[in-house]
Amino acid sequence: MGRLFGTDGVRGIANEKLSCELAFKLGQAAAKVLTNEVHKAKILIGKDTRISGDMLESALIAGICSAGAEACTLGVIPTSAVAHLTRYYEADAGAVISASHNTVEYNGIKFFNAKGYKLADAIEDEIEKLVLEGIGEQLPTGLGVGRRVRLRNAPREYADFLVESSPVRLDGLKVVLDCANGASSALAGEVFSRLGAEVYAHYNMPDGANINDNCGSTHPGNLQILVNEYGADVGLAFDGDADRLIAVDEFGRIIDGDRIMAVCALDMKERGCLAKNTLVATVMSNLGLELSLKPQGIEIVKTGVGDRYVLEEMLASGYNFGGEQSGHLIFLDHNTTGDGMLSGIQLLGVMKRKGKTLSELANAVEILPQVLVNAKVSEEKKFDYDKDEEILAEIARLEQQMAGQGRVLIRTSGTEPLVRVMIEGKDKKAIGAEAVKIARLIEQKLGGK
């Protein structure tokens, strides 16, 4: 068996790879590794809206309680809320049942420590070892068994935190929200309305099956249409667990995580609150981000793909802002993980302070055309692309042809049987054809269907 934990917890098709048995064992092991044995441990549990959430929540709760810990359920709530509330309620750990932007058949389980941070690899390894080998000790009985407690005020506490995080009122802004039929559905409209915005919330009617279904941050096409129909100032799209943000400007144009980071980083530097005048991004961020910010005195530090690696660099080096092109943005002065609604509030705050439209702010960043093509491969071979001479030769040929005027980045998905082919360059049509060519070669060589 490969490593259970990927880049964002344990994820897979619910009731298949991510079974109730596995969820139960994860609950037991996490209760053992993450909690303080001096008192009866408290672990918060939140989930998104997908149909398998109830099933996995029940199994996770059973595992936690069987190990003698208290399982405190938050109901449907964003991932970022669990991170915040773990600190707020002084819990020993937090758990989220969500597959983020993935389709409904997937689900996942990820954990936060007592400080609201995602777990380091070494801690995940400890949990995984106990899952695979058993916790190796007698389980509690009688009054030693844990219980389930529902924290009904948790959504209100999180909404208050978001409202209080806003640097300014948002009166006068017309905002369209795409809640992805996910974890932000019940909260986003209320939060932005409380801040004074004129709000039109869509895709906020989850039914267990429609999460991320042609909506949300990975499918912003309908939001673009809605922004134009309403004549809105901005559109904000979250993903299933609401830790990502993709925006749409007043013309209906997509503003991705790179542009949002640039807008906010420039504003933070101007106000003297961008730590060390540095933004932390990943290798997936557009080369244009760096070319646009460096002349303004902002350095870019790049990490591997995954917001956990962005956060690790921020904590290690004393930075306070970073994120990913996909819309995971970490405002470390406010929260310990990506937070879509918080990011939207900060972005709209820049618009209000500067009195500029989102298009005016975003146009200050020149982004090179970028193409991303997924190669579907077998799970067993997905890490072998860099061992195949023919694949490596094709990549080398293209890099030589681009002669420093673009770049090629190949990476394996941590959660799906995919190899992602990303190419940047000046001619979008040409790099698109090259990306498809390399992706098809990878599929051919690595067992794609």
Protein backbone atom coordinates (compact mmCIF):
# COMPACT_ATOMS: atom_id res chain seq x y z
CA MET A 1 0.00 0.00 0.00
CA GLY A 2 1.25 3.49 -0.86
CA ARG A 3 1.22 6.37 1.58
CA LEU A 4 -2.32 7.06 2.80
CA PHE A 5 -1.81 10.80 3.17
CA GLY A 6 -1.50 12.86 0.01
CA THR A 7 -0.87 16.59 -0.29
CA ASP A 8 -4.17 17.36 1.45
CA GLY A 9 -5.01 14.52 3.82
CA VAL A 10 -6.42 11.11 2.95
CA ARG A 11 -8.58 11.26 -0.15
CA GLY A 12 -10.31 8.79 -2.45
CA ILE A 13 -13.66 7.53 -3.70
CA ALA A 14 -15.95 7.28 -0.68
CA ASN A 15 -16.90 3.74 0.35
CA GLU A 16 -14.09 2.40 -1.84
CA LYS A 17 -10.57 3.66 -1.12
CA LEU A 18 -11.91 5.89 1.65
CA SER A 19 -13.98 3.31 3.51
CA CYS A 20 -15.81 3.58 6.82
CA GLU A 21 -13.25 1.18 8.27
CA LEU A 22 -10.43 3.51 7.25
CA ALA A 23 -12.28 6.55 8.63
CA PHE A 24 -12.77 4.70 11.94
CA LYS A 25 -9.07 3.82 12.15
CA LEU A 26 -8.06 7.38 11.26
CA GLY A 27 -10.23 8.66 14.11
CA GLN A 28 -8.63 6.25 16.57
CA ALA A 29 -5.10 6.98 15.43
CA ALA A 30 -5.58 10.77 15.33
CA ALA A 31 -7.03 10.74 18.84
CA LYS A 32 -3.92 8.92 20.00
CA VAL A 33 -1.32 11.05 18.17
CA LEU A 34 -2.82 14.54 18.28
CA THR A 35 -4.23 14.82 21.76
CA ASN A 36 -2.96 15.55 25.24
CA GLU A 37 -3.32 12.50 27.47
CA VAL A 38 -3.57 14.63 30.64
CA HIS A 39 -7.24 15.35 29.98
CA LYS A 40 -10.09 13.96 27.89
CA ALA A 41 -9.12 15.15 24.45
CA LYS A 42 -11.41 17.29 22.28
CA ILE A 43 -11.39 16.97 18.47
CA LEU A 44 -13.55 19.22 16.28
CA ILE A 45 -15.12 17.74 13.13
CA GLY A 46 -16.46 19.69 10.15
CA LYS A 47 -17.61 18.52 6.73
CA ASP A 48 -18.74 19.75 3.34
CA THR A 49 -22.08 18.99 1.68
CA ARG A 50 -21.36 15.80 -0.28
CA ILE A 51 -23.65 12.84 0.39
CA SER A 52 -20.93 10.59 1.80
CA GLY A 53 -20.11 13.10 4.55
CA ASP A 54 -22.63 11.72 7.05
CA MET A 55 -21.39 8.17 6.59
CA LEU A 56 -17.73 9.04 7.05
CA GLU A 57 -18.47 11.45 9.90
CA SER A 58 -20.19 8.66 11.83
CA ALA A 59 -17.23 6.34 11.34
CA LEU A 60 -14.69 9.02 12.27
CA ILE A 61 -16.66 9.92 15.41
CA ALA A 62 -16.82 6.24 16.41
CA GLY A 63 -13.04 5.94 16.07
CA ILE A 64 -12.38 9.10 18.07
CA CYS A 65 -14.78 8.12 20.86
CA SER A 66 -13.46 4.55 21.00
CA ALA A 67 -10.02 6.00 21.81
CA GLY A 68 -11.49 8.00 24.69
CA ALA A 69 -11.62 11.43 23.05
CA GLU A 70 -14.56 13.79 22.68
CA ALA A 71 -15.84 14.35 19.11
CA CYS A 72 -17.23 17.88 18.74
CA THR A 73 -19.22 18.20 15.52
CA LEU A 74 -19.56 21.51 13.70
CA GLY A 75 -21.84 20.35 10.88
CA VAL A 76 -21.37 21.67 7.36
CA ILE A 77 -18.69 24.35 7.59
CA PRO A 78 -15.63 25.50 5.58
CA THR A 79 -12.24 23.90 6.11
CA SER A 80 -10.85 27.27 7.18
CA ALA A 81 -13.53 27.51 9.86
CA VAL A 82 -12.30 24.27 11.43
CA ALA A 83 -8.76 25.68 11.55
CA HIS A 84 -9.98 28.87 13.22
CA LEU A 85 -12.42 27.19 15.60
CA THR A 86 -9.85 24.64 16.76
CA ARG A 87 -7.96 27.57 18.23
CA TYR A 88 -11.07 29.44 19.34
CA TYR A 89 -12.45 26.50 21.33
CA GLU A 90 -8.97 25.49 22.52
CA ALA A 91 -9.46 21.99 21.10
CA ASP A 92 -6.68 19.44 20.82
CA ALA A 93 -7.19 18.93 17.08
CA GLY A 94 -9.57 19.49 14.18
CA ALA A 95 -10.74 17.19 11.40
CA VAL A 96 -12.35 18.03 8.06
CA ILE A 97 -14.33 15.59 5.92
CA SER A 98 -14.10 17.01 2.42
CA ALA A 99 -12.65 16.41 -1.01
CA SER A 100 -12.40 20.13 -1.70
CA HIS A 101 -12.83 20.79 -5.44
CA ASN A 102 -13.22 17.11 -6.43
CA THR A 103 -16.48 15.67 -7.75
CA VAL A 104 -19.11 14.17 -5.47
CA GLU A 105 -17.93 10.54 -5.52
CA TYR A 106 -14.68 11.57 -3.80
CA ASN A 107 -14.26 12.48 -0.17
CA GLY A 108 -11.34 13.03 2.16
CA ILE A 109 -10.24 13.39 5.77
CA LYS A 110 -7.60 15.88 6.88
CA PHE A 111 -6.49 17.09 10.28
CA PHE A 112 -5.34 20.26 11.99
CA ASN A 113 -3.25 20.40 15.14
CA ALA A 114 -4.22 22.41 18.22
CA LYS A 115 -2.82 25.60 16.66
CA GLY A 116 -4.93 25.22 13.52
CA TYR A 117 -2.12 24.17 11.20
CA LYS A 118 -2.19 21.26 8.77
CA LEU A 119 -0.07 18.38 9.96
CA ALA A 120 3.59 17.97 9.12
CA ASP A 121 4.55 14.86 7.14
CA ALA A 122 6.14 13.28 10.22
CA ILE A 123 2.90 13.54 12.24
CA GLU A 124 0.88 12.11 9.36
CA ASP A 125 3.36 9.24 9.23
CA GLU A 126 2.71 8.53 12.93
CA ILE A 127 -1.03 8.42 12.34
CA GLU A 128 -0.60 6.25 9.26
CA LYS A 129 1.55 3.76 11.16
CA LEU A 130 -1.15 3.34 13.80
CA VAL A 131 -3.83 2.96 11.11
CA LEU A 132 -1.88 0.17 9.43
CA GLU A 133 -0.55 -1.57 12.54
CA GLY A 134 -3.22 -0.78 15.15
CA ILE A 135 -2.90 1.45 18.22
CA GLY A 136 -1.47 -1.43 20.22
CA GLU A 137 -3.10 -0.79 23.57
CA GLN A 138 -6.29 -1.61 25.43
CA LEU A 139 -9.17 0.66 24.55
CA PRO A 140 -11.03 2.50 27.31
CA THR A 141 -14.30 1.21 28.73
CA GLY A 142 -17.03 2.60 30.92
CA LEU A 143 -16.62 6.30 31.61
CA GLY A 144 -13.35 6.28 29.69
CA VAL A 145 -15.17 6.12 26.35
CA GLY A 146 -15.60 9.44 24.54
CA ARG A 147 -18.84 11.09 23.49
CA ARG A 148 -20.20 13.18 20.62
CA VAL A 149 -21.00 16.84 21.29
CA ARG A 150 -22.59 19.25 18.79
CA LEU A 151 -21.22 22.82 18.84
CA ARG A 152 -24.26 24.60 17.42
CA ASN A 153 -22.88 28.13 17.70
CA ALA A 154 -19.78 27.34 15.64
CA PRO A 155 -21.04 28.78 12.29
CA ARG A 156 -22.00 32.02 14.03
CA GLU A 157 -18.60 32.28 15.72
CA TYR A 158 -16.86 31.83 12.36
CA ALA A 159 -19.11 34.35 10.58
CA ASP A 160 -18.35 36.92 13.30
CA PHE A 161 -14.62 36.26 12.85
CA LEU A 162 -14.86 36.90 9.09
CA VAL A 163 -16.81 40.12 9.52
CA GLU A 164 -14.32 41.38 12.10
CA SER A 165 -11.42 40.57 9.75
CA SER A 166 -12.57 43.09 7.17
CA PRO A 167 -10.40 46.22 7.00
CA VAL A 168 -13.26 48.33 5.62
CA ARG A 169 -16.99 48.30 4.99
CA LEU A 170 -18.07 47.06 1.57
CA ASP A 171 -21.03 49.39 1.07
CA GLY A 172 -21.62 50.27 -2.57
CA LEU A 173 -20.14 47.07 -4.01
CA LYS A 174 -22.41 44.75 -5.98
CA VAL A 175 -21.09 41.20 -5.48
CA VAL A 176 -22.12 37.89 -7.03
CA LEU A 177 -21.18 34.78 -5.03
CA ASP A 178 -20.75 31.24 -6.36
CA CYS A 179 -20.81 28.92 -3.34
CA ALA A 180 -20.18 25.71 -5.33
CA ASN A 181 -23.17 24.13 -3.56
CA GLY A 182 -20.59 23.49 -0.87
CA ALA A 183 -19.56 24.43 2.63
CA SER A 184 -19.94 28.20 2.17
CA SER A 185 -23.56 27.95 1.00
CA ALA A 186 -25.20 28.90 4.29
CA LEU A 187 -22.65 31.52 5.36
CA ALA A 188 -21.24 33.49 2.44
CA GLY A 189 -24.32 35.55 1.61
CA GLU A 190 -24.79 36.51 5.24
CA VAL A 191 -21.15 37.49 5.78
CA PHE A 192 -20.84 39.78 2.75
CA SER A 193 -24.27 41.30 3.39
CA ARG A 194 -23.28 42.11 6.98
CA LEU A 195 -20.28 43.97 5.56
CA GLY A 196 -22.61 46.17 3.51
CA ALA A 197 -22.26 44.68 0.03
CA GLU A 198 -25.23 44.17 -2.28
CA VAL A 199 -25.07 40.38 -2.57
CA TYR A 200 -26.42 37.92 -5.13
CA ALA A 201 -25.66 34.39 -3.95
CA HIS A 202 -25.84 31.46 -6.39
CA TYR A 203 -25.09 27.72 -6.25
CA ASN A 204 -25.95 27.82 -2.56
CA MET A 205 -28.59 25.06 -2.56
CA PRO A 206 -26.65 21.86 -1.84
CA ASP A 207 -28.47 18.55 -2.17
CA GLY A 208 -25.62 16.14 -1.46
CA ALA A 209 -24.97 15.49 -5.14
CA ASN A 210 -24.41 18.90 -6.76
CA ILE A 211 -21.23 20.04 -4.98
CA ASN A 212 -18.75 21.50 -7.54
CA ASP A 213 -21.15 20.47 -10.33
CA ASN A 214 -20.40 22.99 -13.10
CA CYS A 215 -19.93 25.68 -10.49
CA GLY A 216 -17.41 26.93 -7.96
CA SER A 217 -13.79 27.99 -8.33
CA THR A 218 -12.93 25.23 -10.81
CA HIS A 219 -15.93 26.04 -13.05
CA PRO A 220 -16.34 29.85 -13.01
CA GLY A 221 -17.96 30.12 -16.45
CA ASN A 222 -21.49 30.61 -15.13
CA LEU A 223 -20.25 33.19 -12.62
CA GLN A 224 -18.78 35.19 -15.51
CA ILE A 225 -22.21 35.25 -17.13
CA LEU A 226 -23.95 36.20 -13.87
CA VAL A 227 -21.58 39.11 -13.21
CA ASN A 228 -22.43 40.55 -16.62
CA GLU A 229 -26.17 39.95 -16.18
CA TYR A 230 -26.27 41.72 -12.81
CA GLY A 231 -23.87 44.47 -13.85
CA ALA A 232 -21.92 43.56 -10.74
CA ASP A 233 -18.60 44.98 -9.59
CA VAL A 234 -17.12 41.58 -8.85
CA GLY A 235 -17.85 37.86 -8.65
CA LEU A 236 -16.34 35.53 -6.05
CA ALA A 237 -16.23 31.74 -6.56
CA PHE A 238 -15.36 29.33 -3.77
CA ASP A 239 -14.75 25.59 -3.99
CA GLY A 240 -16.53 22.77 -2.17
CA ASP A 241 -14.86 23.33 1.20
CA ALA A 242 -14.47 27.10 0.65
CA ASP A 243 -10.71 27.30 1.11
CA ARG A 244 -10.16 28.62 -2.44
CA LEU A 245 -11.11 31.84 -4.18
CA ILE A 246 -11.29 32.66 -7.87
CA ALA A 247 -12.64 36.11 -8.75
CA VAL A 248 -14.35 37.62 -11.80
CA ASP A 249 -13.96 41.30 -12.63
CA GLU A 250 -16.69 43.71 -13.73
CA PHE A 251 -16.18 42.70 -17.36
CA GLY A 252 -16.66 39.02 -16.59
CA ARG A 253 -12.96 38.16 -16.87
CA ILE A 254 -11.44 35.54 -14.58
CA ILE A 255 -8.96 36.80 -11.98
CA ASP A 256 -7.05 33.77 -10.72
CA GLY A 257 -5.01 33.27 -7.56
CA ASP A 258 -1.85 34.75 -9.09
CA ARG A 259 -3.53 38.04 -9.93
CA ILE A 260 -5.34 38.16 -6.58
CA MET A 261 -2.01 37.61 -4.80
CA ALA A 262 -0.41 40.40 -6.82
CA VAL A 263 -3.22 42.86 -6.04
CA CYS A 264 -3.14 42.08 -2.32
CA ALA A 265 0.66 41.89 -2.04
CA LEU A 266 1.08 45.31 -3.68
CA ASP A 267 -1.51 46.78 -1.33
CA MET A 268 0.08 45.16 1.73
CA LYS A 269 3.53 46.45 0.78
CA GLU A 270 2.15 49.94 0.27
CA ARG A 271 0.62 49.82 3.76
CA GLY A 272 3.82 48.41 5.27
CA CYS A 273 2.29 45.12 6.37
CA LEU A 274 3.80 42.63 3.88
CA ALA A 275 6.37 40.82 6.00
CA LYS A 276 9.88 41.15 4.54
CA ASN A 277 8.25 42.49 1.34
CA THR A 278 7.96 38.88 0.20
CA LEU A 279 5.20 36.79 -1.33
CA VAL A 280 5.33 32.99 -1.11
CA ALA A 281 3.99 31.19 -4.18
CA THR A 282 4.44 27.75 -5.77
CA VAL A 283 6.20 26.55 -8.89
CA MET A 284 2.79 26.58 -10.61
CA SER A 285 2.47 30.36 -10.32
CA ASN A 286 2.82 32.25 -13.57
CA LEU A 287 6.23 33.64 -14.47
CA GLY A 288 4.48 36.96 -15.07
CA LEU A 289 3.71 37.28 -11.37
CA GLU A 290 7.40 37.45 -10.56
CA LEU A 291 8.18 39.75 -13.50
CA SER A 292 5.45 42.17 -12.37
CA LEU A 293 6.20 42.28 -8.64
CA LYS A 294 10.00 42.40 -8.58
CA PRO A 295 10.18 45.92 -10.08
CA GLN A 296 7.82 47.00 -7.29
CA GLY A 297 10.24 45.75 -4.63
CA ILE A 298 8.44 42.50 -3.82
CA GLU A 299 10.41 39.26 -3.76
CA ILE A 300 8.87 35.91 -4.71
CA VAL A 301 9.80 32.71 -2.85
CA LYS A 302 8.56 29.55 -4.57
CA THR A 303 7.71 26.18 -3.03
CA GLY A 304 6.43 22.82 -4.18
CA VAL A 305 2.76 22.54 -5.14
CA GLY A 306 0.35 22.48 -2.21
CA ASP A 307 -0.75 25.16 0.22
CA ARG A 308 0.79 23.14 3.08
CA TYR A 309 4.24 23.75 1.57
CA VAL A 310 3.48 27.44 1.13
CA LEU A 311 2.52 27.59 4.81
CA GLU A 312 5.63 25.69 5.91
CA GLU A 313 7.84 28.24 4.13
CA MET A 314 5.88 31.14 5.60
CA LEU A 315 6.27 29.81 9.13
CA ALA A 316 9.92 28.89 8.70
CA SER A 317 10.97 32.25 7.25
CA GLY A 318 8.62 34.72 8.90
CA TYR A 319 6.41 35.62 5.91
CA ASN A 320 2.72 36.47 6.30
CA PHE A 321 1.18 36.15 2.82
CA GLY A 322 1.30 33.44 0.21
CA GLY A 323 -0.76 31.12 -1.90
CA GLU A 324 -1.40 29.26 -5.10
CA GLN A 325 -2.65 30.09 -8.57
CA SER A 326 -5.61 27.80 -7.85
CA GLY A 327 -6.89 30.27 -5.25
CA HIS A 328 -5.56 28.86 -1.96
CA LEU A 329 -4.48 32.14 -0.35
CA ILE A 330 -3.06 32.29 3.17
CA PHE A 331 -3.34 35.58 5.05
CA LEU A 332 -1.38 34.40 8.06
CA ASP A 333 -2.20 37.49 10.13
CA HIS A 334 -5.82 36.27 10.10
CA ASN A 335 -5.95 32.49 9.65
CA THR A 336 -3.64 29.48 9.44
CA THR A 337 -4.91 28.01 6.17
CA GLY A 338 -6.44 28.98 2.85
CA ASP A 339 -9.77 30.75 3.38
CA GLY A 340 -11.90 31.65 0.37
CA MET A 341 -14.29 34.04 2.08
CA LEU A 342 -11.51 35.76 4.01
CA SER A 343 -9.56 36.16 0.76
CA GLY A 344 -12.61 37.67 -0.91
CA ILE A 345 -13.02 40.12 1.95
CA GLN A 346 -9.36 41.19 1.70
CA LEU A 347 -9.59 41.60 -2.10
CA LEU A 348 -12.73 43.71 -1.89
CA GLY A 349 -11.06 45.73 0.83
CA VAL A 350 -8.30 46.71 -1.61
CA MET A 351 -10.92 47.79 -4.15
CA LYS A 352 -12.66 49.97 -1.57
CA ARG A 353 -9.46 51.52 -0.14
CA LYS A 354 -8.05 52.40 -3.54
CA GLY A 355 -11.36 53.30 -5.15
CA LYS A 356 -10.48 51.20 -8.20
CA THR A 357 -12.25 48.47 -10.12
CA LEU A 358 -10.94 44.93 -9.99
CA SER A 359 -9.92 45.11 -13.64
CA GLU A 360 -7.81 48.22 -12.98
CA LEU A 361 -6.05 46.52 -10.09
CA ALA A 362 -5.52 43.22 -11.90
CA ASN A 363 -4.25 44.80 -15.11
CA ALA A 364 -1.15 45.95 -13.24
CA VAL A 365 0.04 42.34 -13.52
CA GLU A 366 1.14 40.97 -16.90
CA ILE A 367 0.45 37.24 -17.02
CA LEU A 368 2.00 34.98 -19.65
CA PRO A 369 -0.36 32.60 -21.45
CA GLN A 370 -0.43 29.30 -19.57
CA VAL A 371 -1.89 25.94 -20.56
CA LEU A 372 -2.56 23.01 -18.23
CA VAL A 373 -3.45 19.58 -19.62
CA ASN A 374 -4.12 16.53 -17.45
CA ALA A 375 -2.75 13.16 -18.53
CA LYS A 376 -4.85 10.29 -17.16
CA VAL A 377 -2.51 7.51 -16.04
CA SER A 378 -2.60 4.44 -13.85
CA GLU A 379 -2.33 5.08 -10.10
CA GLU A 380 0.62 2.68 -9.87
CA LYS A 381 2.69 4.44 -12.55
CA LYS A 382 1.79 8.08 -12.00
CA PHE A 383 5.14 8.93 -10.37
CA ASP A 384 7.22 7.33 -13.16
CA TYR A 385 7.08 10.02 -15.85
CA ASP A 386 10.60 11.23 -15.04
CA LYS A 387 12.00 7.74 -15.51
CA ASP A 388 10.91 7.41 -19.12
CA GLU A 389 13.58 8.51 -21.63
CA GLU A 390 11.11 9.28 -24.42
CA ILE A 391 9.04 11.57 -22.18
CA LEU A 392 12.15 13.33 -20.88
CA ALA A 393 13.48 13.80 -24.42
CA GLU A 394 10.21 15.43 -25.54
CA ILE A 395 10.29 17.83 -22.60
CA ALA A 396 13.94 18.71 -23.29
CA ARG A 397 13.15 19.36 -26.97
CA LEU A 398 10.40 21.84 -26.09
CA GLU A 399 12.46 23.64 -23.43
CA GLN A 400 15.30 24.09 -25.93
CA GLN A 401 12.84 25.39 -28.52
CA MET A 402 11.40 27.95 -26.06
CA ALA A 403 14.90 29.28 -25.29
CA GLY A 404 14.05 30.94 -21.99
CA GLN A 405 10.85 32.58 -23.26
CA GLY A 406 8.64 30.13 -21.37
CA ARG A 407 8.79 27.05 -19.22
CA VAL A 408 7.54 23.47 -18.89
CA LEU A 409 6.42 22.04 -15.57
CA ILE A 410 5.33 18.41 -15.12
CA ARG A 411 3.89 17.27 -11.80
CA THR A 412 1.92 14.36 -10.41
CA SER A 413 -1.43 14.91 -8.70
CA GLY A 414 -1.34 14.01 -5.03
CA THR A 415 -5.02 13.01 -4.96
CA GLU A 416 -5.92 11.62 -8.41
CA PRO A 417 -4.36 9.31 -11.06
CA LEU A 418 -3.19 12.27 -13.11
CA VAL A 419 0.05 13.81 -14.36
CA ARG A 420 -0.35 17.53 -14.98
CA VAL A 421 1.44 19.13 -17.93
CA MET A 422 1.80 22.89 -17.59
CA ILE A 423 3.45 25.07 -20.24
CA GLU A 424 3.89 28.86 -20.29
CA GLY A 425 4.87 30.88 -23.33
CA LYS A 426 3.94 33.80 -25.51
CA ASP A 427 1.86 31.89 -28.11
CA LYS A 428 -1.10 30.21 -26.37
CA LYS A 429 -2.16 28.18 -29.40
CA ALA A 430 1.34 26.78 -29.89
CA ILE A 431 1.91 25.88 -26.24
CA GLY A 432 -1.56 24.33 -26.09
CA ALA A 433 -0.71 21.95 -28.91
CA GLU A 434 2.60 21.08 -27.26
CA ALA A 435 0.91 20.42 -23.90
CA VAL A 436 -1.60 18.05 -25.50
CA LYS A 437 1.20 16.28 -27.35
CA ILE A 438 3.21 15.68 -24.15
CA ALA A 439 0.11 14.67 -22.17
CA ARG A 440 -0.89 12.08 -24.76
CA LEU A 441 2.64 10.68 -24.75
CA ILE A 442 2.54 10.38 -20.96
CA GLU A 443 -0.82 8.59 -21.14
CA GLN A 444 0.55 6.19 -23.74
CA LYS A 445 3.63 5.39 -21.70
CA LEU A 446 2.07 5.29 -18.22
CA GLY A 447 -1.09 3.28 -18.75
CA GLY A 448 -3.69 5.96 -19.37
CA LYS A 449 -7.11 5.09 -20.75
